[in-house]
Protein backbone atom coordinates (compact mmCIF):
# COMPACT_ATOMS: atom_id res chain seq x y z
CA MET A 1 118.15 132.76 137.26
CA ARG A 2 117.54 136.08 138.96
CA LYS A 3 119.56 137.09 142.00
CA LEU A 4 118.36 138.37 145.35
CA VAL A 5 120.58 141.41 145.98
CA TYR A 6 120.82 143.08 149.37
CA TYR A 7 121.61 146.71 148.47
CA ILE A 8 121.97 148.75 151.66
CA GLY A 9 123.81 151.57 153.40
CA MET A 10 125.89 150.63 156.44
CA THR A 11 128.10 152.30 159.06
CA ILE A 12 131.71 151.28 159.62
CA ASP A 13 130.55 149.33 162.68
CA GLY A 14 127.90 147.36 160.78
CA PHE A 15 124.59 149.17 161.37
CA ILE A 16 121.98 149.96 158.71
CA ALA A 17 119.85 152.21 160.91
CA ALA A 18 119.67 153.82 164.35
CA PRO A 19 118.00 151.89 167.19
CA ASP A 20 114.69 153.62 166.30
CA GLY A 21 115.00 152.60 162.62
CA SER A 22 115.94 156.04 161.32
CA ALA A 23 118.81 156.48 158.88
CA ASP A 24 119.04 160.26 158.60
CA PHE A 25 122.52 160.30 160.17
CA PHE A 26 124.14 158.79 157.06
CA PRO A 27 126.21 161.44 155.22
CA VAL A 28 124.40 161.33 151.87
CA THR A 29 126.48 163.81 149.91
CA GLN A 30 126.25 164.79 146.24
CA ASP A 31 128.73 162.10 145.17
CA VAL A 32 126.58 159.44 146.88
CA LEU A 33 123.42 160.79 145.23
CA ASP A 34 125.19 160.83 141.86
CA PHE A 35 126.25 157.20 142.33
CA ILE A 36 122.73 156.10 143.24
CA VAL A 37 121.06 158.02 140.39
CA GLU A 38 123.59 156.78 137.83
CA ASP A 39 124.04 153.17 138.96
CA PHE A 40 121.06 152.19 141.14
CA PRO A 41 118.14 154.54 140.39
CA ASP A 42 115.72 151.63 140.78
CA THR A 43 116.55 151.52 144.53
CA LEU A 44 115.14 155.00 145.09
CA PRO A 45 111.53 155.26 146.24
CA THR A 46 109.35 156.44 143.34
CA HIS A 47 108.69 159.91 144.78
CA VAL A 48 112.45 160.44 145.38
CA ARG A 49 113.23 159.22 141.85
CA GLU A 50 110.91 161.90 140.52
CA GLN A 51 112.54 164.62 142.68
CA LEU A 52 116.01 163.64 141.43
CA GLY A 53 114.95 163.34 137.79
CA ALA A 54 115.68 159.61 137.72
CA HIS A 55 112.10 158.63 136.93
CA VAL A 56 112.81 158.83 133.20
CA VAL A 57 115.61 156.26 133.50
CA PRO A 58 114.65 152.60 132.96
CA ASN A 59 115.34 150.20 135.83
CA PRO A 60 118.88 148.96 135.13
CA ASN A 61 119.10 146.35 137.91
CA PHE A 62 115.80 145.35 139.50
CA ASP A 63 112.17 144.78 138.62
CA ALA A 64 111.02 143.60 142.06
CA GLY A 65 111.62 144.71 145.64
CA VAL A 66 111.16 142.84 148.92
CA GLN A 67 111.07 144.54 152.30
CA GLY A 68 110.05 143.84 155.84
CA LEU A 69 107.14 145.56 157.53
CA ALA A 70 109.43 147.78 159.67
CA THR A 71 111.06 149.08 156.47
CA TYR A 72 107.66 149.62 154.81
CA GLU A 73 106.01 151.39 157.77
CA PRO A 74 107.72 154.82 157.38
CA ALA A 75 106.21 155.10 153.90
CA LEU A 76 102.80 154.17 155.28
CA ARG A 77 103.11 156.82 158.00
CA ALA A 78 103.82 159.36 155.24
CA GLY A 79 100.71 158.23 153.37
CA ILE A 80 102.65 156.36 150.68
CA THR A 81 101.21 152.88 150.20
CA SER A 82 103.26 152.02 147.09
CA PRO A 83 106.77 153.39 147.72
CA TYR A 84 108.42 151.50 144.85
CA ALA A 85 105.71 151.83 142.20
CA HIS A 86 108.35 151.26 139.49
CA LEU A 87 108.96 147.73 140.88
CA ARG A 88 106.82 144.72 141.74
CA GLN A 89 106.56 145.15 145.50
CA TYR A 90 106.50 142.56 148.25
CA VAL A 91 106.25 143.18 151.99
CA VAL A 92 107.04 140.38 154.41
CA SER A 93 104.77 140.46 157.43
CA THR A 94 103.03 137.95 159.66
CA SER A 95 101.00 140.66 161.39
CA THR A 96 99.52 142.50 158.40
CA GLY A 97 96.42 140.82 157.05
CA GLU A 98 95.79 142.55 153.79
CA SER A 99 97.81 144.96 151.72
CA PRO A 100 96.93 148.66 151.90
CA ASP A 101 97.67 148.90 148.17
CA PRO A 102 96.87 146.51 145.29
CA ALA A 103 100.41 147.04 143.94
CA VAL A 104 101.96 145.63 147.14
CA GLU A 105 101.78 141.90 147.84
CA ILE A 106 102.03 140.73 151.45
CA ILE A 107 104.08 137.57 152.02
CA SER A 108 103.14 136.06 155.36
CA THR A 109 104.19 132.41 155.09
CA ASP A 110 107.04 130.43 153.52
CA VAL A 111 109.03 133.58 152.75
CA ALA A 112 112.12 131.71 151.52
CA GLY A 113 109.95 129.54 149.27
CA ARG A 114 108.28 132.62 147.77
CA ILE A 115 111.68 134.23 147.17
CA ARG A 116 112.93 131.05 145.46
CA LYS A 117 109.88 131.18 143.16
CA LEU A 118 110.57 134.84 142.34
CA LYS A 119 114.22 134.03 141.62
CA ALA A 120 113.15 131.27 139.21
CA GLU A 121 111.04 133.70 137.14
CA ASP A 122 112.39 135.57 134.14
CA GLY A 123 113.33 139.17 134.75
CA LYS A 124 115.83 141.43 136.39
CA ASP A 125 117.27 140.88 139.85
CA ILE A 126 115.29 141.29 143.07
CA TYR A 127 116.11 144.18 145.39
CA LEU A 128 116.17 143.26 149.08
CA VAL A 129 115.24 146.66 150.50
CA GLY A 130 115.65 145.70 154.15
CA GLY A 131 115.78 145.33 157.03
CA GLY A 132 118.25 143.39 159.10
CA ARG A 133 115.82 140.76 160.44
CA LEU A 134 114.47 140.00 156.97
CA ALA A 135 118.01 139.87 155.56
CA GLY A 136 118.98 137.50 158.36
CA SER A 137 116.05 135.19 157.65
CA LEU A 138 116.82 135.27 153.91
CA LEU A 139 120.59 134.91 154.20
CA PRO A 140 120.55 131.47 152.51
CA GLU A 141 118.76 133.06 149.52
CA ILE A 142 120.92 136.19 149.16
CA ASP A 143 123.14 135.97 146.08
CA ALA A 144 124.89 139.34 146.22
CA LEU A 145 125.51 142.31 148.50
CA VAL A 146 125.98 145.92 147.44
CA ILE A 147 126.96 147.88 150.53
CA LYS A 148 127.36 151.63 150.66
CA LEU A 149 129.88 151.77 153.54
CA TYR A 150 129.51 155.25 155.02
CA PRO A 151 132.39 156.87 156.94
CA VAL A 152 130.52 157.00 160.24
CA VAL A 153 130.37 154.93 163.42
CA ALA A 154 126.92 154.61 164.99
CA GLY A 155 127.78 152.71 168.17
CA ALA A 156 124.39 150.96 168.24
CA GLY A 157 121.44 150.34 165.98
CA ILE A 158 119.97 147.80 163.62
CA PRO A 159 122.68 145.46 162.31
CA LEU A 160 123.17 144.50 158.67
CA PHE A 161 121.93 140.99 159.53
CA THR A 162 119.98 139.76 162.53
CA THR A 163 120.25 135.99 162.58
CA ASP A 164 121.74 133.09 164.47
CA PHE A 165 125.44 132.41 164.11
CA SER A 166 125.77 131.16 160.54
CA PRO A 167 129.05 131.99 158.79
CA THR A 168 128.24 132.48 155.11
CA PRO A 169 131.13 133.20 152.75
CA PHE A 170 130.92 135.90 150.09
CA THR A 171 133.60 137.00 147.62
CA LEU A 172 134.49 140.67 147.22
CA THR A 173 133.90 141.47 143.53
CA GLY A 174 134.18 145.24 143.52
CA THR A 175 135.19 148.34 145.45
CA ARG A 176 134.46 151.90 144.45
CA PRO A 177 135.52 154.76 146.71
CA LEU A 178 133.49 157.93 146.45
CA GLN A 179 134.81 161.41 147.09
CA ASN A 180 133.30 161.90 150.57
CA GLY A 181 134.79 158.66 151.93
CA THR A 182 131.85 156.35 151.25
CA VAL A 183 132.98 153.08 149.66
CA ILE A 184 130.73 150.90 147.54
CA LEU A 185 131.49 147.24 148.28
CA THR A 186 130.11 144.50 146.05
CA TYR A 187 130.08 140.84 147.09
CA ASP A 188 128.83 137.67 145.44
CA ARG A 189 127.97 134.48 147.28
CA LYS A 190 130.85 132.00 147.06
């Protein structure tokens, strides 16, 4: 069975983005870029993959990506309707009627049920692109976390998970420090 994997960058104090949703304050240094291109090139938007030369690399981890509307909207504002063209794309939204791109499926009802169906299909794992509200609503379905813990404190912003109090145990299965102080933390659901 495929896993739903929440792969995300996070500050030391638990935020994945600034209060306005931006993430340009993360110190993405060459060692971080090298890690992403070598280990998780499938998590890069298609146009960024091409810029970094990773578009010739097959997807090692994922063949589908799920994101919330707030995560999808910056691409739309930039005129990109299919930001992860190398993946099957799903956007969770109750306010968007129809998809702006035939390659992007809108999920508007029974999100957890749809994710369970995707997990039951054959294929590679499913990339949970973000954001915190969607991750919070899908917490019971998340099988693994890959967190790029950046050496920065934000003070406020969008948390890793936005959900009701629901302690959910995960087991640390890997740590990988990078040169600039970023640490890659890998967790599997207990």
